[in-house]
Amino acid sequence: MSQEGYLVALERQHEQLKKELSQERNRSPWNDLELAAIKRKKLQIKDEIAAARRAQATFLSLCDEFHPIRAKSLAV
């Protein structure tokens, strides 16, 4: 899976967890343990997205440093 595909998959998972969190909150009564588990997973995915974006930015920065024309084509 490409780096971009990985980011898209993580963003989809994050969005799905956001929906699950909303659904769980709308239940009466909601399950505090389930809410906490969803929130933990959502935060973990958010951290993975941030790490993947930092890695991508570092890679593009290094590419630009060593080969400016190629880096511009990768960023598109």
C-alpha atoms as a PDB file:
ATOM      1  CA  MET A   1       0.000   0.000   0.000  1.00  0.00           C
ATOM      2  CA  SER A   2       1.327   3.420  -0.891  1.00  0.00           C
ATOM      3  CA  GLN A   3       1.861   6.091   1.736  1.00  0.00           C
ATOM      4  CA  GLU A   4      -1.082   8.056   0.340  1.00  0.00           C
ATOM      5  CA  GLY A   5      -3.286   4.945   0.393  1.00  0.00           C
ATOM      6  CA  TYR A   6      -2.260   4.304   3.983  1.00  0.00           C
ATOM      7  CA  LEU A   7      -3.239   7.860   4.963  1.00  0.00           C
ATOM      8  CA  VAL A   8      -6.597   7.536   3.215  1.00  0.00           C
ATOM      9  CA  ALA A   9      -7.283   4.241   5.014  1.00  0.00           C
ATOM     10  CA  LEU A  10      -6.403   5.786   8.378  1.00  0.00           C
ATOM     11  CA  GLU A  11      -8.619   8.794   7.696  1.00  0.00           C
ATOM     12  CA  ARG A  12     -11.519   6.482   6.824  1.00  0.00           C
ATOM     13  CA  GLN A  13     -11.017   4.533  10.039  1.00  0.00           C
ATOM     14  CA  HIS A  14     -10.930   7.783  12.005  1.00  0.00           C
ATOM     15  CA  GLU A  15     -14.161   8.960  10.375  1.00  0.00           C
ATOM     16  CA  GLN A  16     -15.828   5.598  11.086  1.00  0.00           C
ATOM     17  CA  LEU A  17     -14.823   5.809  14.743  1.00  0.00           C
ATOM     18  CA  LYS A  18     -16.220   9.334  14.873  1.00  0.00           C
ATOM     19  CA  LYS A  19     -19.573   7.973  13.657  1.00  0.00           C
ATOM     20  CA  GLU A  20     -19.460   5.087  16.155  1.00  0.00           C
ATOM     21  CA  LEU A  21     -18.748   7.542  18.958  1.00  0.00           C
ATOM     22  CA  SER A  22     -21.723   9.667  17.954  1.00  0.00           C
ATOM     23  CA  GLN A  23     -23.991   6.611  17.748  1.00  0.00           C
ATOM     24  CA  GLU A  24     -22.863   5.380  21.164  1.00  0.00           C
ATOM     25  CA  ARG A  25     -23.509   8.807  22.691  1.00  0.00           C
ATOM     26  CA  ASN A  26     -27.050   8.789  21.276  1.00  0.00           C
ATOM     27  CA  ARG A  27     -27.873   5.511  23.021  1.00  0.00           C
ATOM     28  CA  SER A  28     -29.744   5.667  26.254  1.00  0.00           C
ATOM     29  CA  PRO A  29     -28.080   4.731  28.518  1.00  0.00           C
ATOM     30  CA  TRP A  30     -24.682   4.739  26.862  1.00  0.00           C
ATOM     31  CA  ASN A  31     -21.843   2.454  27.841  1.00  0.00           C
ATOM     32  CA  ASP A  32     -18.975   4.434  29.405  1.00  0.00           C
ATOM     33  CA  LEU A  33     -16.473   1.625  28.791  1.00  0.00           C
ATOM     34  CA  GLU A  34     -17.424   1.412  25.117  1.00  0.00           C
ATOM     35  CA  LEU A  35     -17.156   5.202  24.759  1.00  0.00           C
ATOM     36  CA  ALA A  36     -13.700   5.159  26.341  1.00  0.00           C
ATOM     37  CA  ALA A  37     -12.552   2.320  24.044  1.00  0.00           C
ATOM     38  CA  ILE A  38     -13.771   4.147  20.924  1.00  0.00           C
ATOM     39  CA  LYS A  39     -12.119   7.393  22.055  1.00  0.00           C
ATOM     40  CA  ARG A  40      -8.828   5.583  22.707  1.00  0.00           C
ATOM     41  CA  LYS A  41      -8.867   3.939  19.278  1.00  0.00           C
ATOM     42  CA  LYS A  42      -9.812   7.236  17.601  1.00  0.00           C
ATOM     43  CA  LEU A  43      -6.897   9.001  19.315  1.00  0.00           C
ATOM     44  CA  GLN A  44      -4.520   6.196  18.330  1.00  0.00           C
ATOM     45  CA  ILE A  45      -5.591   6.534  14.674  1.00  0.00           C
ATOM     46  CA  LYS A  46      -5.210  10.328  14.881  1.00  0.00           C
ATOM     47  CA  ASP A  47      -1.647   9.869  16.193  1.00  0.00           C
ATOM     48  CA  GLU A  48      -0.874   7.427  13.360  1.00  0.00           C
ATOM     49  CA  ILE A  49      -2.184   9.943  10.804  1.00  0.00           C
ATOM     50  CA  ALA A  50       0.020  12.682  12.287  1.00  0.00           C
ATOM     51  CA  ALA A  51       3.071  10.399  12.276  1.00  0.00           C
ATOM     52  CA  ALA A  52       2.455   9.342   8.673  1.00  0.00           C
ATOM     53  CA  ARG A  53       2.082  12.978   7.582  1.00  0.00           C
ATOM     54  CA  ARG A  54       5.314  13.923   9.375  1.00  0.00           C
ATOM     55  CA  ALA A  55       7.132  11.032   7.701  1.00  0.00           C
ATOM     56  CA  GLN A  56       5.765  12.079   4.311  1.00  0.00           C
ATOM     57  CA  ALA A  57       6.813  15.708   4.871  1.00  0.00           C
ATOM     58  CA  THR A  58      10.291  14.606   5.944  1.00  0.00           C
ATOM     59  CA  PHE A  59      10.621  12.393   2.877  1.00  0.00           C
ATOM     60  CA  LEU A  60       9.539  15.173   0.521  1.00  0.00           C
ATOM     61  CA  SER A  61      11.864  17.597   2.258  1.00  0.00           C
ATOM     62  CA  LEU A  62      14.790  15.224   1.797  1.00  0.00           C
ATOM     63  CA  CYS A  63      13.833  14.625  -1.827  1.00  0.00           C
ATOM     64  CA  ASP A  64      13.702  18.360  -2.418  1.00  0.00           C
ATOM     65  CA  GLU A  65      17.109  18.774  -0.819  1.00  0.00           C
ATOM     66  CA  PHE A  66      18.709  16.182  -3.061  1.00  0.00           C
ATOM     67  CA  HIS A  67      16.646  16.495  -6.214  1.00  0.00           C
ATOM     68  CA  PRO A  68      14.382  19.605  -6.399  1.00  0.00           C
ATOM     69  CA  ILE A  69      12.642  18.754  -9.679  1.00  0.00           C
ATOM     70  CA  ARG A  70      11.706  15.197  -8.649  1.00  0.00           C
ATOM     71  CA  ALA A  71      10.345  16.358  -5.288  1.00  0.00           C
ATOM     72  CA  LYS A  72       7.932  18.747  -6.972  1.00  0.00           C
ATOM     73  CA  SER A  73       6.534  15.940  -9.125  1.00  0.00           C
ATOM     74  CA  LEU A  74       6.072  13.729  -6.015  1.00  0.00           C
ATOM     75  CA  ALA A  75       4.190  16.452  -4.146  1.00  0.00           C
ATOM     76  CA  VAL A  76       1.498  16.670  -6.845  1.00  0.00           C
END
